[in-house]
């Protein structure tokens, strides 16, 4: 957000990413066959680089929605608050959720987080070139996935006390792992 204050185009991802996810949902349902491509085209014209990243993120969302289980500035930043992160982390502990949702979303989020920080796949996310500015400009994709997971985790109500206790343990482990100046390079620290 602080970089977007003086270069507003860097905030395009906050708009483009959810729009492209919505287009994916329209495509799944066979709705808006003309509006969908127009939204994608507008995203590409407004900021191709951001649209490229958001398209990959929306593709991950679409894959998760379609995959049934039966057949320093170098530090990655999560631009979501601790409550949303906690709700996203609660997903695997929510027994009321279908197994595909309960395990598919966390697996996809972990895979995306891993792929964003490995050099070859990091470059793939950035169309083969190191981005101008901070190297983790793609963090909005990961944050969007976490926000969707948080929403899905609470769609049928808040987590039970046992799930919340497990989430608090995971958050405490994340906070401990993120302590110290050198560790932030390897592990995202939760926003307090």
C-alpha atoms as a PDB file:
ATOM      1  CA  UNK A   1       0.000   0.000   0.000  1.00  0.00           C
ATOM      2  CA  UNK A   2       2.827   2.431   0.783  1.00  0.00           C
ATOM      3  CA  UNK A   3       4.346   1.970  -2.701  1.00  0.00           C
ATOM      4  CA  UNK A   4       0.913   2.436  -4.253  1.00  0.00           C
ATOM      5  CA  UNK A   5       0.588   5.817  -2.571  1.00  0.00           C
ATOM      6  CA  UNK A   6       3.075   7.317  -4.998  1.00  0.00           C
ATOM      7  CA  UNK A   7       2.630   4.891  -7.922  1.00  0.00           C
ATOM      8  CA  UNK A   8      -1.142   4.216  -8.013  1.00  0.00           C
ATOM      9  CA  UNK A   9      -0.876   1.646 -10.811  1.00  0.00           C
ATOM     10  CA  UNK A  10       0.689  -0.752  -8.290  1.00  0.00           C
ATOM     11  CA  UNK A  11      -2.714  -0.888  -6.602  1.00  0.00           C
ATOM     12  CA  UNK A  12      -4.344  -2.208  -9.787  1.00  0.00           C
ATOM     13  CA  UNK A  13      -4.002  -5.742  -8.450  1.00  0.00           C
ATOM     14  CA  UNK A  14      -6.457  -4.972  -5.660  1.00  0.00           C
ATOM     15  CA  UNK A  15      -9.104  -4.397  -8.337  1.00  0.00           C
ATOM     16  CA  UNK A  16      -8.002  -6.678 -11.150  1.00  0.00           C
ATOM     17  CA  UNK A  17      -7.465  -9.827  -9.084  1.00  0.00           C
ATOM     18  CA  UNK A  18     -11.018 -10.091  -7.694  1.00  0.00           C
ATOM     19  CA  UNK A  19     -12.477  -9.122 -11.077  1.00  0.00           C
ATOM     20  CA  UNK A  20     -10.612 -11.920 -12.837  1.00  0.00           C
ATOM     21  CA  UNK A  21     -11.698 -14.369 -10.131  1.00  0.00           C
ATOM     22  CA  UNK A  22     -15.273 -13.228 -10.788  1.00  0.00           C
ATOM     23  CA  UNK A  23     -14.795 -13.828 -14.521  1.00  0.00           C
ATOM     24  CA  UNK A  24     -13.631 -17.359 -13.669  1.00  0.00           C
ATOM     25  CA  UNK A  25     -16.814 -17.899 -11.677  1.00  0.00           C
ATOM     26  CA  UNK A  26     -18.863 -16.581 -14.587  1.00  0.00           C
ATOM     27  CA  UNK A  27     -17.076 -18.990 -16.925  1.00  0.00           C
ATOM     28  CA  UNK A  28     -17.770 -21.917 -14.572  1.00  0.00           C
ATOM     29  CA  UNK A  29     -21.460 -21.078 -14.600  1.00  0.00           C
ATOM     30  CA  UNK A  30     -21.658 -20.238 -18.303  1.00  0.00           C
ATOM     31  CA  UNK A  31     -22.750 -16.679 -17.500  1.00  0.00           C
ATOM     32  CA  UNK A  32     -21.838 -13.345 -19.109  1.00  0.00           C
ATOM     33  CA  UNK A  33     -20.131 -14.690 -22.261  1.00  0.00           C
ATOM     34  CA  UNK A  34     -19.578 -11.158 -23.572  1.00  0.00           C
ATOM     35  CA  UNK A  35     -18.898  -9.260 -20.343  1.00  0.00           C
ATOM     36  CA  UNK A  36     -16.263 -11.758 -19.142  1.00  0.00           C
ATOM     37  CA  UNK A  37     -13.882 -11.264 -22.083  1.00  0.00           C
ATOM     38  CA  UNK A  38     -14.459  -7.502 -21.909  1.00  0.00           C
ATOM     39  CA  UNK A  39     -13.387  -7.453 -18.247  1.00  0.00           C
ATOM     40  CA  UNK A  40     -10.292  -9.520 -19.071  1.00  0.00           C
ATOM     41  CA  UNK A  41      -9.465  -7.219 -21.983  1.00  0.00           C
ATOM     42  CA  UNK A  42      -9.907  -4.104 -19.848  1.00  0.00           C
ATOM     43  CA  UNK A  43      -7.633  -5.593 -17.179  1.00  0.00           C
ATOM     44  CA  UNK A  44      -4.970  -6.375 -19.789  1.00  0.00           C
ATOM     45  CA  UNK A  45      -5.154  -2.926 -21.346  1.00  0.00           C
ATOM     46  CA  UNK A  46      -5.096  -1.089 -18.019  1.00  0.00           C
ATOM     47  CA  UNK A  47      -1.948  -2.827 -16.753  1.00  0.00           C
ATOM     48  CA  UNK A  48      -0.731  -5.900 -18.604  1.00  0.00           C
ATOM     49  CA  UNK A  49       1.868  -6.826 -15.981  1.00  0.00           C
ATOM     50  CA  UNK A  50      -0.615  -6.779 -13.103  1.00  0.00           C
ATOM     51  CA  UNK A  51      -3.243  -8.538 -15.213  1.00  0.00           C
ATOM     52  CA  UNK A  52      -0.699 -11.255 -16.020  1.00  0.00           C
ATOM     53  CA  UNK A  53      -0.082 -11.894 -12.296  1.00  0.00           C
ATOM     54  CA  UNK A  54      -3.782 -11.682 -11.476  1.00  0.00           C
ATOM     55  CA  UNK A  55      -4.588 -14.131 -14.284  1.00  0.00           C
ATOM     56  CA  UNK A  56      -2.255 -16.700 -12.732  1.00  0.00           C
ATOM     57  CA  UNK A  57      -3.875 -16.124  -9.327  1.00  0.00           C
ATOM     58  CA  UNK A  58      -7.377 -16.381 -10.795  1.00  0.00           C
ATOM     59  CA  UNK A  59      -6.300 -19.571 -12.547  1.00  0.00           C
ATOM     60  CA  UNK A  60      -5.286 -21.030  -9.187  1.00  0.00           C
ATOM     61  CA  UNK A  61      -8.675 -20.046  -7.773  1.00  0.00           C
ATOM     62  CA  UNK A  62     -10.418 -21.637 -10.750  1.00  0.00           C
ATOM     63  CA  UNK A  63      -8.342 -24.825 -10.438  1.00  0.00           C
ATOM     64  CA  UNK A  64      -9.228 -25.159  -6.768  1.00  0.00           C
ATOM     65  CA  UNK A  65     -12.878 -24.549  -7.583  1.00  0.00           C
ATOM     66  CA  UNK A  66     -12.726 -27.288 -10.329  1.00  0.00           C
ATOM     67  CA  UNK A  67     -10.304 -30.095  -8.570  1.00  0.00           C
ATOM     68  CA  UNK A  68     -12.621 -32.809  -6.931  1.00  0.00           C
ATOM     69  CA  UNK A  69     -10.655 -35.023  -4.548  1.00  0.00           C
ATOM     70  CA  UNK A  70     -12.306 -38.110  -5.946  1.00  0.00           C
ATOM     71  CA  UNK A  71     -11.345 -38.032  -9.639  1.00  0.00           C
ATOM     72  CA  UNK A  72      13.253  -6.069   4.381  1.00  0.00           C
ATOM     73  CA  UNK A  73      11.884  -5.445   0.936  1.00  0.00           C
ATOM     74  CA  UNK A  74      13.029  -8.960   0.219  1.00  0.00           C
ATOM     75  CA  UNK A  75      10.535 -10.214   2.787  1.00  0.00           C
ATOM     76  CA  UNK A  76       7.216 -11.438   1.448  1.00  0.00           C
ATOM     77  CA  UNK A  77       4.410  -9.435   2.975  1.00  0.00           C
ATOM     78  CA  UNK A  78       0.860 -10.511   3.667  1.00  0.00           C
ATOM     79  CA  UNK A  79      -1.373  -7.500   3.385  1.00  0.00           C
ATOM     80  CA  UNK A  80      -4.172  -8.933   5.460  1.00  0.00           C
ATOM     81  CA  UNK A  81      -4.848  -8.527   9.143  1.00  0.00           C
ATOM     82  CA  UNK A  82      -4.379 -11.190  11.762  1.00  0.00           C
ATOM     83  CA  UNK A  83      -8.126 -12.001  12.017  1.00  0.00           C
ATOM     84  CA  UNK A  84      -8.351 -12.821   8.300  1.00  0.00           C
ATOM     85  CA  UNK A  85      -5.113 -14.812   8.471  1.00  0.00           C
ATOM     86  CA  UNK A  86      -6.432 -16.716  11.498  1.00  0.00           C
ATOM     87  CA  UNK A  87      -9.680 -17.548   9.714  1.00  0.00           C
ATOM     88  CA  UNK A  88      -7.770 -18.776   6.663  1.00  0.00           C
ATOM     89  CA  UNK A  89      -5.558 -20.912   8.893  1.00  0.00           C
ATOM     90  CA  UNK A  90      -8.676 -22.352  10.533  1.00  0.00           C
ATOM     91  CA  UNK A  91      -9.836 -23.956   7.292  1.00  0.00           C
ATOM     92  CA  UNK A  92      -8.089 -27.342   7.739  1.00  0.00           C
ATOM     93  CA  UNK A  93      -9.554 -27.597  11.242  1.00  0.00           C
ATOM     94  CA  UNK A  94     -13.156 -26.977  10.124  1.00  0.00           C
ATOM     95  CA  UNK A  95     -14.696 -30.461  10.010  1.00  0.00           C
ATOM     96  CA  UNK A  96     -17.986 -29.062   8.654  1.00  0.00           C
ATOM     97  CA  UNK A  97     -16.308 -28.092   5.369  1.00  0.00           C
ATOM     98  CA  UNK A  98     -16.142 -30.524   2.452  1.00  0.00           C
ATOM     99  CA  UNK A  99     -12.755 -32.257   2.198  1.00  0.00           C
ATOM    100  CA  UNK A 100     -12.067 -30.625  -1.192  1.00  0.00           C
ATOM    101  CA  UNK A 101     -12.467 -27.167   0.331  1.00  0.00           C
ATOM    102  CA  UNK A 102     -10.883 -28.025   3.661  1.00  0.00           C
ATOM    103  CA  UNK A 103      -7.657 -29.365   2.171  1.00  0.00           C
ATOM    104  CA  UNK A 104      -7.627 -28.061  -1.416  1.00  0.00           C
ATOM    105  CA  UNK A 105      -7.464 -24.382  -0.534  1.00  0.00           C
ATOM    106  CA  UNK A 106      -4.684 -24.672   2.073  1.00  0.00           C
ATOM    107  CA  UNK A 107      -2.681 -26.885  -0.300  1.00  0.00           C
ATOM    108  CA  UNK A 108      -3.108 -24.381  -3.154  1.00  0.00           C
ATOM    109  CA  UNK A 109      -2.134 -21.458  -0.901  1.00  0.00           C
ATOM    110  CA  UNK A 110       0.977 -23.246   0.354  1.00  0.00           C
ATOM    111  CA  UNK A 111       1.954 -24.174  -3.192  1.00  0.00           C
ATOM    112  CA  UNK A 112       1.501 -20.599  -4.402  1.00  0.00           C
ATOM    113  CA  UNK A 113       3.527 -19.257  -1.451  1.00  0.00           C
ATOM    114  CA  UNK A 114       6.307 -21.713  -2.267  1.00  0.00           C
ATOM    115  CA  UNK A 115       6.256 -21.002  -6.005  1.00  0.00           C
ATOM    116  CA  UNK A 116       6.341 -17.245  -5.459  1.00  0.00           C
ATOM    117  CA  UNK A 117       9.689 -17.514  -3.695  1.00  0.00           C
ATOM    118  CA  UNK A 118      11.624 -20.029  -5.800  1.00  0.00           C
ATOM    119  CA  UNK A 119      13.718 -18.248  -8.429  1.00  0.00           C
ATOM    120  CA  UNK A 120      12.492 -20.073 -11.568  1.00  0.00           C
ATOM    121  CA  UNK A 121       8.811 -19.923 -10.657  1.00  0.00           C
ATOM    122  CA  UNK A 122       9.186 -16.414  -9.227  1.00  0.00           C
ATOM    123  CA  UNK A 123      10.340 -15.320 -12.675  1.00  0.00           C
ATOM    124  CA  UNK A 124       7.424 -17.194 -14.264  1.00  0.00           C
ATOM    125  CA  UNK A 125       5.019 -15.177 -12.094  1.00  0.00           C
ATOM    126  CA  UNK A 126       6.710 -12.013 -13.401  1.00  0.00           C
ATOM    127  CA  UNK A 127       6.688 -12.929 -17.101  1.00  0.00           C
ATOM    128  CA  UNK A 128      10.386 -13.853 -17.031  1.00  0.00           C
ATOM    129  CA  UNK A 129      11.770 -10.574 -15.703  1.00  0.00           C
ATOM    130  CA  UNK A 130      12.550  -9.321 -12.223  1.00  0.00           C
ATOM    131  CA  UNK A 131       9.883  -6.719 -11.344  1.00  0.00           C
ATOM    132  CA  UNK A 132      10.592  -3.037 -11.066  1.00  0.00           C
ATOM    133  CA  UNK A 133      10.432  -2.045  -7.417  1.00  0.00           C
ATOM    134  CA  UNK A 134      10.106  -4.623  -4.671  1.00  0.00           C
ATOM    135  CA  UNK A 135      10.585  -8.256  -5.691  1.00  0.00           C
ATOM    136  CA  UNK A 136       7.400  -9.468  -4.004  1.00  0.00           C
ATOM    137  CA  UNK A 137       4.850  -7.394  -5.919  1.00  0.00           C
ATOM    138  CA  UNK A 138       2.901 -10.590  -6.528  1.00  0.00           C
ATOM    139  CA  UNK A 139       1.943 -10.769  -2.831  1.00  0.00           C
ATOM    140  CA  UNK A 140      -1.551  -9.492  -3.668  1.00  0.00           C
ATOM    141  CA  UNK A 141      -2.294 -12.848  -5.318  1.00  0.00           C
ATOM    142  CA  UNK A 142      -1.385 -14.752  -2.144  1.00  0.00           C
ATOM    143  CA  UNK A 143      -3.344 -12.282  -0.014  1.00  0.00           C
ATOM    144  CA  UNK A 144      -6.383 -12.674  -2.258  1.00  0.00           C
ATOM    145  CA  UNK A 145      -6.230 -16.448  -1.896  1.00  0.00           C
ATOM    146  CA  UNK A 146      -5.946 -16.096   1.885  1.00  0.00           C
ATOM    147  CA  UNK A 147      -8.955 -13.773   2.001  1.00  0.00           C
ATOM    148  CA  UNK A 148     -11.043 -16.189  -0.055  1.00  0.00           C
ATOM    149  CA  UNK A 149      -9.990 -19.026   2.282  1.00  0.00           C
ATOM    150  CA  UNK A 150     -10.946 -16.905   5.304  1.00  0.00           C
ATOM    151  CA  UNK A 151     -14.373 -16.264   3.829  1.00  0.00           C
ATOM    152  CA  UNK A 152     -14.916 -19.921   2.915  1.00  0.00           C
ATOM    153  CA  UNK A 153     -13.781 -20.940   6.380  1.00  0.00           C
ATOM    154  CA  UNK A 154     -16.545 -18.867   7.971  1.00  0.00           C
ATOM    155  CA  UNK A 155     -19.287 -19.278   5.359  1.00  0.00           C
ATOM    156  CA  UNK A 156     -21.266 -21.557   7.680  1.00  0.00           C
ATOM    157  CA  UNK A 157     -20.327 -19.851  10.955  1.00  0.00           C
ATOM    158  CA  UNK A 158     -17.316 -19.171  13.111  1.00  0.00           C
ATOM    159  CA  UNK A 159     -14.830 -21.951  13.911  1.00  0.00           C
ATOM    160  CA  UNK A 160     -15.380 -23.957  17.090  1.00  0.00           C
ATOM    161  CA  UNK A 161     -13.142 -23.381  20.137  1.00  0.00           C
ATOM    162  CA  UNK A 162     -10.949 -26.412  19.317  1.00  0.00           C
ATOM    163  CA  UNK A 163     -10.293 -25.067  15.806  1.00  0.00           C
ATOM    164  CA  UNK A 164      -9.558 -21.602  17.192  1.00  0.00           C
ATOM    165  CA  UNK A 165      -7.100 -23.094  19.702  1.00  0.00           C
ATOM    166  CA  UNK A 166      -5.304 -24.903  16.868  1.00  0.00           C
ATOM    167  CA  UNK A 167      -5.191 -21.671  14.852  1.00  0.00           C
ATOM    168  CA  UNK A 168      -3.743 -19.760  17.797  1.00  0.00           C
ATOM    169  CA  UNK A 169      -1.014 -22.408  18.072  1.00  0.00           C
ATOM    170  CA  UNK A 170      -0.226 -22.062  14.354  1.00  0.00           C
ATOM    171  CA  UNK A 171      -0.160 -18.250  14.634  1.00  0.00           C
ATOM    172  CA  UNK A 172       2.151 -18.471  17.644  1.00  0.00           C
ATOM    173  CA  UNK A 173       4.471 -20.774  15.675  1.00  0.00           C
ATOM    174  CA  UNK A 174       4.442 -18.316  12.752  1.00  0.00           C
ATOM    175  CA  UNK A 175       5.222 -15.414  15.072  1.00  0.00           C
ATOM    176  CA  UNK A 176       8.127 -17.319  16.631  1.00  0.00           C
ATOM    177  CA  UNK A 177       9.476 -18.336  13.248  1.00  0.00           C
ATOM    178  CA  UNK A 178       9.319 -14.734  12.031  1.00  0.00           C
ATOM    179  CA  UNK A 179      11.328 -13.306  14.934  1.00  0.00           C
ATOM    180  CA  UNK A 180      14.645 -11.676  14.231  1.00  0.00           C
ATOM    181  CA  UNK A 181      15.874  -9.665  11.270  1.00  0.00           C
ATOM    182  CA  UNK A 182      17.204 -12.550   9.177  1.00  0.00           C
ATOM    183  CA  UNK A 183      14.230 -14.869   9.455  1.00  0.00           C
ATOM    184  CA  UNK A 184      11.775 -12.543   7.720  1.00  0.00           C
ATOM    185  CA  UNK A 185      13.493 -13.330   4.462  1.00  0.00           C
ATOM    186  CA  UNK A 186      12.354 -16.944   4.730  1.00  0.00           C
ATOM    187  CA  UNK A 187       9.021 -16.776   6.522  1.00  0.00           C
ATOM    188  CA  UNK A 188       6.213 -14.212   6.317  1.00  0.00           C
ATOM    189  CA  UNK A 189       5.394 -12.607   9.635  1.00  0.00           C
ATOM    190  CA  UNK A 190       1.732 -12.166  10.542  1.00  0.00           C
ATOM    191  CA  UNK A 191       0.404  -8.652  10.743  1.00  0.00           C
ATOM    192  CA  UNK A 192      -0.405  -7.749  14.331  1.00  0.00           C
END
